[in-house]
């Protein structure tokens, strides 16, 4: 029988662990207060709303786990931990924020029933590489004056990979981000002393980590994320290898620099076409393929025509 690792602790960047943390009312209260920039005492009550595992296509094993909380004033906050990048991320986030907003009313209901909706994405990867901001708040505003148009729709994006090097910070969101980004027990324990709410989150991690059933669920989810990363990395590396090989061949004839550039592009195009063909073989529709691959719908439809002509 394998010896149990007494030092094992779950990591919050695995979404099933993050969701477990948010089921703790005190942890949820502290984290939401940080996001809202208010004192936790002002967050009187939050109620978890039911959510389902969102899957982008029927056979997907990974899906997206999220946590939706209802505030006392009727506002809603949807939070999700994302460990990997995916195509059309901007469009998806906007879609789920809009869906949360429109689901508040039915036919004939007055628009006065609409309350503020916030979509929070915690990313364990870099989405905006052209700046160093690790926490951004996005809302609708006038492009010329910068004046906010409405307070009813808001997105918050937390990029854990862009956390500043300095450990000390008065920003409560940064403290939470540093805790959520912890990669071992020591890093998590060090952050636990920064606030009573983060300390409660650490204690909750210890409780979940000691629960055998929760640990099995965590390890299964962690494996699914790793498998997804491996598949995506393999597809990218294959495209790179093909491109480099063809680029070098062309480089002998047309010049190394230009040839490698063209070959790389051609190889990547060929690999993406192969991936699209495999998805079409599985019966996926063009819209779904475009969403998953980041390719535009017109290109997918052209590939579909080629696929049908070939078959």
Protein backbone atom coordinates (compact mmCIF):
# COMPACT_ATOMS: atom_id res chain seq x y z
CA UNK A 1 0.00 0.00 0.00
CA UNK A 2 1.40 3.42 -0.99
CA UNK A 3 2.45 5.67 1.87
CA UNK A 4 0.27 8.72 2.28
CA UNK A 5 2.03 12.04 1.66
CA UNK A 6 1.36 14.02 4.84
CA UNK A 7 2.80 17.15 3.20
CA UNK A 8 0.33 17.04 0.30
CA UNK A 9 -1.81 20.12 -0.20
CA UNK A 10 -4.13 21.05 -3.03
CA UNK A 11 -3.24 23.99 -5.24
CA UNK A 12 -5.89 26.69 -5.87
CA UNK A 13 -4.97 26.94 -9.57
CA UNK A 14 -6.75 23.62 -10.11
CA UNK A 15 -10.32 24.80 -10.67
CA UNK A 16 -12.00 22.11 -8.59
CA UNK A 17 -9.88 23.26 -5.62
CA UNK A 18 -10.72 26.93 -6.21
CA UNK A 19 -14.41 26.06 -6.36
CA UNK A 20 -14.07 24.16 -3.06
CA UNK A 21 -12.51 27.23 -1.45
CA UNK A 22 -15.39 29.43 -2.61
CA UNK A 23 -17.88 27.08 -0.94
CA UNK A 24 -16.50 28.31 2.38
CA UNK A 25 -18.63 31.40 3.25
CA UNK A 26 -15.82 33.24 5.05
CA UNK A 27 -13.32 32.64 2.23
CA UNK A 28 -15.88 33.71 -0.36
CA UNK A 29 -16.70 36.83 1.64
CA UNK A 30 -13.04 37.84 1.93
CA UNK A 31 -12.23 37.25 -1.74
CA UNK A 32 -15.33 39.06 -3.03
CA UNK A 33 -14.65 42.00 -0.69
CA UNK A 34 -11.15 42.28 -2.17
CA UNK A 35 -12.53 42.25 -5.72
CA UNK A 36 -15.07 44.95 -4.82
CA UNK A 37 -12.47 47.03 -3.00
CA UNK A 38 -14.50 47.10 0.19
CA UNK A 39 -14.24 45.95 3.78
CA UNK A 40 -15.40 42.32 4.30
CA UNK A 41 -17.81 43.59 6.96
CA UNK A 42 -19.69 45.41 4.18
CA UNK A 43 -20.29 42.12 2.37
CA UNK A 44 -23.15 40.93 4.51
CA UNK A 45 -24.25 37.80 2.71
CA UNK A 46 -23.39 35.86 -0.44
CA UNK A 47 -25.35 32.89 -1.71
CA UNK A 48 -23.93 30.37 -4.15
CA UNK A 49 -26.05 29.84 -7.25
CA UNK A 50 -26.09 26.46 -9.01
CA UNK A 51 -23.69 26.11 -11.95
CA UNK A 52 -22.97 23.25 -14.31
CA UNK A 53 -19.73 22.04 -15.90
CA UNK A 54 -19.60 24.05 -19.12
CA UNK A 55 -18.45 21.94 -22.05
CA UNK A 56 -17.52 23.41 -25.41
CA UNK A 57 -18.43 20.22 -27.29
CA UNK A 58 -20.28 17.01 -26.30
CA UNK A 59 -17.26 14.69 -25.89
CA UNK A 60 -15.07 17.15 -24.01
CA UNK A 61 -13.77 15.77 -20.71
CA UNK A 62 -12.31 18.98 -19.32
CA UNK A 63 -15.03 21.64 -19.45
CA UNK A 64 -15.06 24.81 -17.37
CA UNK A 65 -15.89 24.93 -13.66
CA UNK A 66 -17.16 28.22 -12.33
CA UNK A 67 -18.63 29.67 -9.13
CA UNK A 68 -21.52 32.15 -9.18
CA UNK A 69 -22.43 34.15 -6.09
CA UNK A 70 -25.53 36.24 -5.45
CA UNK A 71 -25.01 39.36 -3.35
CA UNK A 72 -27.50 40.77 -0.86
CA UNK A 73 -28.34 43.66 -3.22
CA UNK A 74 -29.07 41.26 -6.11
CA UNK A 75 -25.73 41.72 -7.90
CA UNK A 76 -24.07 38.57 -9.25
CA UNK A 77 -20.41 37.60 -9.46
CA UNK A 78 -19.24 34.70 -11.61
CA UNK A 79 -15.70 33.47 -10.89
CA UNK A 80 -13.61 30.96 -12.80
CA UNK A 81 -10.07 29.68 -12.51
CA UNK A 82 -8.40 29.06 -15.89
CA UNK A 83 -5.18 27.05 -15.93
CA UNK A 84 -4.72 27.03 -19.71
CA UNK A 85 -5.25 29.43 -22.63
CA UNK A 86 -7.88 28.72 -25.30
CA UNK A 87 -9.14 30.22 -28.53
CA UNK A 88 -11.73 33.01 -28.62
CA UNK A 89 -11.24 33.70 -24.91
CA UNK A 90 -12.44 37.32 -25.21
CA UNK A 91 -15.64 36.34 -27.00
CA UNK A 92 -16.41 33.56 -24.52
CA UNK A 93 -15.95 35.75 -21.46
CA UNK A 94 -18.18 38.45 -22.93
CA UNK A 95 -20.80 35.83 -23.85
CA UNK A 96 -20.99 34.41 -20.32
CA UNK A 97 -21.14 37.89 -18.77
CA UNK A 98 -23.98 38.85 -21.15
CA UNK A 99 -25.78 35.57 -20.48
CA UNK A 100 -25.60 36.11 -16.72
CA UNK A 101 -27.00 39.63 -17.20
CA UNK A 102 -29.91 38.70 -19.50
CA UNK A 103 -30.95 35.66 -17.43
CA UNK A 104 -32.06 38.00 -14.63
CA UNK A 105 -35.36 38.87 -16.33
CA UNK A 106 -38.01 37.05 -18.28
CA UNK A 107 -40.55 38.17 -20.85
CA UNK A 108 -42.58 41.10 -19.55
CA UNK A 109 -40.26 41.85 -16.61
CA UNK A 110 -39.19 45.49 -16.16
CA UNK A 111 -35.57 46.41 -16.88
CA UNK A 112 -35.36 47.81 -13.36
CA UNK A 113 -34.88 44.21 -12.18
CA UNK A 114 -31.45 44.11 -13.82
CA UNK A 115 -28.63 44.20 -11.29
CA UNK A 116 -24.88 44.47 -11.66
CA UNK A 117 -23.05 41.41 -13.04
CA UNK A 118 -19.31 40.83 -12.71
CA UNK A 119 -17.37 38.12 -14.51
CA UNK A 120 -14.03 37.32 -12.84
CA UNK A 121 -11.39 35.33 -14.70
CA UNK A 122 -8.36 34.15 -12.73
CA UNK A 123 -5.78 33.11 -15.30
CA UNK A 124 -2.73 30.97 -14.61
CA UNK A 125 -1.24 32.17 -17.88
CA UNK A 126 -0.49 35.51 -19.54
CA UNK A 127 -3.30 36.86 -21.70
CA UNK A 128 -2.16 40.46 -22.18
CA UNK A 129 1.56 40.31 -22.92
CA UNK A 130 1.98 43.97 -23.88
CA UNK A 131 1.80 45.36 -20.33
CA UNK A 132 2.65 44.39 -16.75
CA UNK A 133 -0.82 44.85 -15.21
CA UNK A 134 -1.80 41.70 -13.34
CA UNK A 135 -5.28 42.90 -12.32
CA UNK A 136 -7.53 44.82 -14.66
CA UNK A 137 -11.15 45.94 -14.41
CA UNK A 138 -13.03 46.34 -17.69
CA UNK A 139 -16.37 48.10 -18.15
CA UNK A 140 -18.32 49.89 -20.87
CA UNK A 141 -17.13 53.46 -21.32
CA UNK A 142 -17.00 56.35 -23.79
CA UNK A 143 -13.88 55.91 -25.97
CA UNK A 144 -13.27 59.65 -26.24
CA UNK A 145 -13.90 60.84 -22.70
CA UNK A 146 -13.20 57.64 -20.81
CA UNK A 147 -16.43 58.19 -18.85
CA UNK A 148 -18.11 54.99 -17.71
CA UNK A 149 -21.35 54.32 -19.59
CA UNK A 150 -22.85 51.90 -17.07
CA UNK A 151 -21.90 50.18 -13.84
CA UNK A 152 -24.07 47.15 -14.57
CA UNK A 153 -21.52 45.13 -16.58
CA UNK A 154 -17.96 44.50 -15.44
CA UNK A 155 -15.12 42.09 -16.11
CA UNK A 156 -12.15 41.54 -13.83
CA UNK A 157 -9.10 39.69 -15.10
CA UNK A 158 -6.40 38.44 -12.74
CA UNK A 159 -3.21 37.18 -14.45
CA UNK A 160 -1.30 35.17 -11.86
CA UNK A 161 1.83 34.85 -14.00
CA UNK A 162 2.28 38.64 -13.96
CA UNK A 163 2.39 39.11 -10.19
CA UNK A 164 5.04 41.67 -9.15
CA UNK A 165 8.22 40.32 -7.59
CA UNK A 166 7.93 42.30 -4.37
CA UNK A 167 6.21 40.24 -1.71
CA UNK A 168 4.68 43.06 0.32
CA UNK A 169 1.56 44.77 -0.98
CA UNK A 170 -1.28 46.75 0.55
CA UNK A 171 -3.54 45.70 -2.31
CA UNK A 172 -5.81 42.96 -1.00
CA UNK A 173 -6.44 41.58 -4.49
CA UNK A 174 -2.67 41.15 -4.98
CA UNK A 175 -2.47 39.29 -1.66
CA UNK A 176 -5.23 36.93 -2.76
CA UNK A 177 -3.59 36.46 -6.14
CA UNK A 178 -0.29 35.56 -4.50
CA UNK A 179 -2.09 33.01 -2.34
CA UNK A 180 -4.00 31.53 -5.27
CA UNK A 181 -0.74 31.29 -7.25
CA UNK A 182 1.02 29.36 -4.47
CA UNK A 183 2.80 26.25 -5.78
CA UNK A 184 3.64 24.53 -2.50
CA UNK A 185 2.66 24.39 1.16
CA UNK A 186 5.28 26.96 2.26
CA UNK A 187 4.14 29.62 -0.24
CA UNK A 188 0.52 29.10 0.75
CA UNK A 189 1.30 29.12 4.47
CA UNK A 190 3.37 32.32 4.15
CA UNK A 191 0.39 34.14 2.63
CA UNK A 192 -2.01 32.77 5.26
CA UNK A 193 -0.66 35.25 7.80
CA UNK A 194 -1.56 38.30 5.72
CA UNK A 195 -5.29 38.31 6.59
CA UNK A 196 -7.80 36.29 8.56
CA UNK A 197 -9.71 35.49 5.37
CA UNK A 198 -6.68 34.14 3.53
CA UNK A 199 -5.79 32.20 6.68
CA UNK A 200 -9.26 30.66 6.57
CA UNK A 201 -8.64 29.77 2.91
CA UNK A 202 -5.42 28.01 3.91
CA UNK A 203 -7.22 26.06 6.65
CA UNK A 204 -9.89 25.09 4.13
CA UNK A 205 -7.15 23.85 1.80
CA UNK A 206 -5.82 21.68 4.61
CA UNK A 207 -9.29 20.27 5.30
CA UNK A 208 -9.93 19.48 1.64
CA UNK A 209 -6.47 17.98 1.20
CA UNK A 210 -7.09 15.61 4.12
CA UNK A 211 -10.38 14.40 2.61
CA UNK A 212 -9.69 11.27 0.56
CA UNK A 213 -12.67 11.67 -1.74
CA UNK A 214 -11.92 15.36 -2.40
CA UNK A 215 -8.30 14.46 -3.07
CA UNK A 216 -9.27 11.82 -5.65
CA UNK A 217 -11.51 14.34 -7.42
CA UNK A 218 -8.69 16.90 -7.33
CA UNK A 219 -6.14 14.46 -8.77
CA UNK A 220 -8.52 13.39 -11.54
CA UNK A 221 -9.16 17.01 -12.46
CA UNK A 222 -5.44 17.82 -12.34
CA UNK A 223 -4.74 14.93 -14.71
CA UNK A 224 -7.43 16.14 -17.13
CA UNK A 225 -5.82 19.60 -17.20
CA UNK A 226 -2.37 18.12 -17.76
CA UNK A 227 -3.66 15.87 -20.54
CA UNK A 228 -5.29 18.87 -22.22
CA UNK A 229 -2.03 20.84 -21.98
CA UNK A 230 -0.08 17.92 -23.44
CA UNK A 231 -2.46 17.61 -26.41
CA UNK A 232 -2.33 21.33 -27.16
CA UNK A 233 1.46 21.46 -26.77
CA UNK A 234 1.91 18.42 -28.99
CA UNK A 235 -0.23 19.94 -31.75
CA UNK A 236 1.72 23.19 -31.59
CA UNK A 237 5.13 21.46 -31.55
CA UNK A 238 4.17 19.26 -34.49
CA UNK A 239 3.22 22.32 -36.49
CA UNK A 240 6.47 24.02 -35.52
CA UNK A 241 8.56 21.00 -36.53
CA UNK A 242 6.85 20.67 -39.91
CA UNK A 243 7.22 24.37 -40.51
CA UNK A 244 10.88 24.43 -39.61
CA UNK A 245 11.65 21.43 -41.80
CA UNK A 246 9.87 22.85 -44.84
CA UNK A 247 11.32 26.25 -44.11
CA UNK A 248 14.86 24.89 -44.14
CA UNK A 249 14.24 23.11 -47.43
CA UNK A 250 12.92 26.29 -48.99
CA UNK A 251 15.78 28.21 -47.44
CA UNK A 252 18.29 26.27 -49.49
CA UNK A 253 16.65 27.55 -52.65
CA UNK A 254 15.27 30.97 -51.73
CA UNK A 255 17.40 32.04 -48.81
CA UNK A 256 17.39 30.68 -45.26
CA UNK A 257 15.54 33.53 -43.53
CA UNK A 258 12.67 33.86 -45.99
CA UNK A 259 12.37 30.12 -46.48
CA UNK A 260 12.15 29.30 -42.78
CA UNK A 261 9.48 31.96 -42.32
CA UNK A 262 7.36 30.66 -45.19
CA UNK A 263 7.91 27.03 -44.21
CA UNK A 264 6.93 27.68 -40.63
CA UNK A 265 3.70 29.35 -41.72
CA UNK A 266 2.94 26.58 -44.20
CA UNK A 267 3.63 23.88 -41.63
CA UNK A 268 1.39 25.51 -39.06
CA UNK A 269 -1.37 25.93 -41.66
CA UNK A 270 -1.08 22.25 -42.61
CA UNK A 271 -1.21 21.15 -38.96
CA UNK A 272 -4.25 23.34 -38.28
CA UNK A 273 -5.94 21.89 -41.37
CA UNK A 274 -5.25 18.35 -40.10
CA UNK A 275 -6.74 19.24 -36.72
CA UNK A 276 -9.84 20.74 -38.39
CA UNK A 277 -10.29 17.63 -40.55
CA UNK A 278 -10.12 15.40 -37.45
CA UNK A 279 -12.74 17.55 -35.73
CA UNK A 280 -14.99 17.40 -38.79
CA UNK A 281 -14.63 13.62 -38.82
CA UNK A 282 -15.97 13.61 -35.25
CA UNK A 283 -19.04 15.51 -36.42
CA UNK A 284 -18.28 18.90 -34.86
CA UNK A 285 -19.90 21.91 -36.53
CA UNK A 286 -17.83 24.80 -37.97
CA UNK A 287 -18.87 27.28 -35.26
CA UNK A 288 -17.65 24.97 -32.51
CA UNK A 289 -14.36 24.29 -34.32
CA UNK A 290 -13.77 28.02 -34.80
CA UNK A 291 -14.37 28.59 -31.10
CA UNK A 292 -11.91 25.87 -30.08
CA UNK A 293 -9.13 26.64 -32.55
CA UNK A 294 -9.34 30.42 -32.76
CA UNK A 295 -9.67 30.26 -36.56
CA UNK A 296 -12.28 32.42 -38.27
CA UNK A 297 -15.53 30.79 -39.36
CA UNK A 298 -14.97 31.49 -43.09
CA UNK A 299 -11.70 29.57 -43.01
CA UNK A 300 -13.35 26.65 -41.20
CA UNK A 301 -16.20 26.55 -43.74
CA UNK A 302 -13.67 26.44 -46.59
CA UNK A 303 -11.89 23.55 -44.85
CA UNK A 304 -15.28 21.84 -44.50
CA UNK A 305 -15.83 22.12 -48.26
CA UNK A 306 -12.37 20.65 -48.88
CA UNK A 307 -13.10 17.88 -46.39
CA UNK A 308 -16.40 16.93 -48.04
CA UNK A 309 -14.81 17.06 -51.50
CA UNK A 310 -12.02 14.81 -50.27
CA UNK A 311 -14.46 12.33 -48.74
